[in-house]
Amino acid sequence: MERKIFQCYVCGQPEDRCSCDKYCVLCHSDYGVRLTEDGQYYCLDCRDACDYKTQDAV
């Protein structure tokens, strides 16, 4: 089974090629943000609270 690559909702690029401003869409923090499956960036606290996974955690 092929793994889906998470892509940024704004630019359509994977996290390592995305040049968008990166900040948590929930709390607007820019500390430790990562791209999740829904194509948006979240900080660690918000990812944990909402049970969002990063590409390397799925």
C-alpha atoms as a PDB file:
ATOM      1  CA  MET A   1       0.000   0.000   0.000  1.00  0.00           C
ATOM      2  CA  GLU A   2       1.370   3.389  -1.009  1.00  0.00           C
ATOM      3  CA  ARG A   3       1.684   6.084   1.665  1.00  0.00           C
ATOM      4  CA  LYS A   4       0.063   9.416   0.957  1.00  0.00           C
ATOM      5  CA  ILE A   5       2.452  12.369   1.144  1.00  0.00           C
ATOM      6  CA  PHE A   6       1.037  15.247   3.221  1.00  0.00           C
ATOM      7  CA  GLN A   7       0.817  18.458   1.199  1.00  0.00           C
ATOM      8  CA  CYS A   8       0.378  22.063   2.285  1.00  0.00           C
ATOM      9  CA  TYR A   9      -3.194  23.284   1.860  1.00  0.00           C
ATOM     10  CA  VAL A  10      -1.990  26.639   0.484  1.00  0.00           C
ATOM     11  CA  CYS A  11       0.806  25.767  -1.949  1.00  0.00           C
ATOM     12  CA  GLY A  12       0.313  22.031  -2.512  1.00  0.00           C
ATOM     13  CA  GLN A  13       3.941  21.186  -1.694  1.00  0.00           C
ATOM     14  CA  PRO A  14       5.196  18.617   0.823  1.00  0.00           C
ATOM     15  CA  GLU A  15       6.486  20.000   4.133  1.00  0.00           C
ATOM     16  CA  ASP A  16      10.161  19.935   3.110  1.00  0.00           C
ATOM     17  CA  ARG A  17       9.465  22.004  -0.047  1.00  0.00           C
ATOM     18  CA  CYS A  18       6.796  24.344   1.354  1.00  0.00           C
ATOM     19  CA  SER A  19       7.883  27.989   1.551  1.00  0.00           C
ATOM     20  CA  CYS A  20       4.672  29.316   3.156  1.00  0.00           C
ATOM     21  CA  ASP A  21       4.716  31.116   6.512  1.00  0.00           C
ATOM     22  CA  LYS A  22       4.485  28.329   9.059  1.00  0.00           C
ATOM     23  CA  TYR A  23       2.391  28.873  12.173  1.00  0.00           C
ATOM     24  CA  CYS A  24      -0.251  26.911  14.054  1.00  0.00           C
ATOM     25  CA  VAL A  25      -3.696  27.520  12.550  1.00  0.00           C
ATOM     26  CA  LEU A  26      -5.312  27.139  15.976  1.00  0.00           C
ATOM     27  CA  CYS A  27      -3.169  29.143  18.408  1.00  0.00           C
ATOM     28  CA  HIS A  28      -0.937  31.003  15.896  1.00  0.00           C
ATOM     29  CA  SER A  29       2.281  29.831  17.581  1.00  0.00           C
ATOM     30  CA  ASP A  30       5.311  29.412  15.333  1.00  0.00           C
ATOM     31  CA  TYR A  31       7.155  27.116  17.741  1.00  0.00           C
ATOM     32  CA  GLY A  32       7.529  23.494  16.621  1.00  0.00           C
ATOM     33  CA  VAL A  33       4.881  23.634  13.899  1.00  0.00           C
ATOM     34  CA  ARG A  34       4.522  20.675  11.557  1.00  0.00           C
ATOM     35  CA  LEU A  35       2.310  19.823   8.616  1.00  0.00           C
ATOM     36  CA  THR A  36      -0.477  17.305   9.280  1.00  0.00           C
ATOM     37  CA  GLU A  37      -2.725  15.211   7.057  1.00  0.00           C
ATOM     38  CA  ASP A  38      -5.309  17.985   6.654  1.00  0.00           C
ATOM     39  CA  GLY A  39      -2.647  20.137   4.945  1.00  0.00           C
ATOM     40  CA  GLN A  40      -2.299  22.690   7.712  1.00  0.00           C
ATOM     41  CA  TYR A  41       0.379  23.424  10.280  1.00  0.00           C
ATOM     42  CA  TYR A  42      -0.075  22.829  14.023  1.00  0.00           C
ATOM     43  CA  CYS A  43       2.212  23.230  17.033  1.00  0.00           C
ATOM     44  CA  LEU A  44       2.965  20.222  19.240  1.00  0.00           C
ATOM     45  CA  ASP A  45       0.440  21.171  21.944  1.00  0.00           C
ATOM     46  CA  CYS A  46      -2.404  21.578  19.450  1.00  0.00           C
ATOM     47  CA  ARG A  47      -1.418  18.389  17.586  1.00  0.00           C
ATOM     48  CA  ASP A  48      -1.521  16.473  20.858  1.00  0.00           C
ATOM     49  CA  ALA A  49      -4.841  18.019  21.929  1.00  0.00           C
ATOM     50  CA  CYS A  50      -6.493  17.297  18.574  1.00  0.00           C
ATOM     51  CA  ASP A  51      -4.697  13.976  17.916  1.00  0.00           C
ATOM     52  CA  TYR A  52      -3.238  15.160  14.604  1.00  0.00           C
ATOM     53  CA  LYS A  53      -0.302  13.179  13.211  1.00  0.00           C
ATOM     54  CA  THR A  54       2.690  14.375  11.214  1.00  0.00           C
ATOM     55  CA  GLN A  55       3.934  12.548   8.118  1.00  0.00           C
ATOM     56  CA  ASP A  56       6.619  10.664  10.044  1.00  0.00           C
ATOM     57  CA  ALA A  57       4.141   9.545  12.755  1.00  0.00           C
ATOM     58  CA  VAL A  58       1.721   7.671  10.473  1.00  0.00           C
END
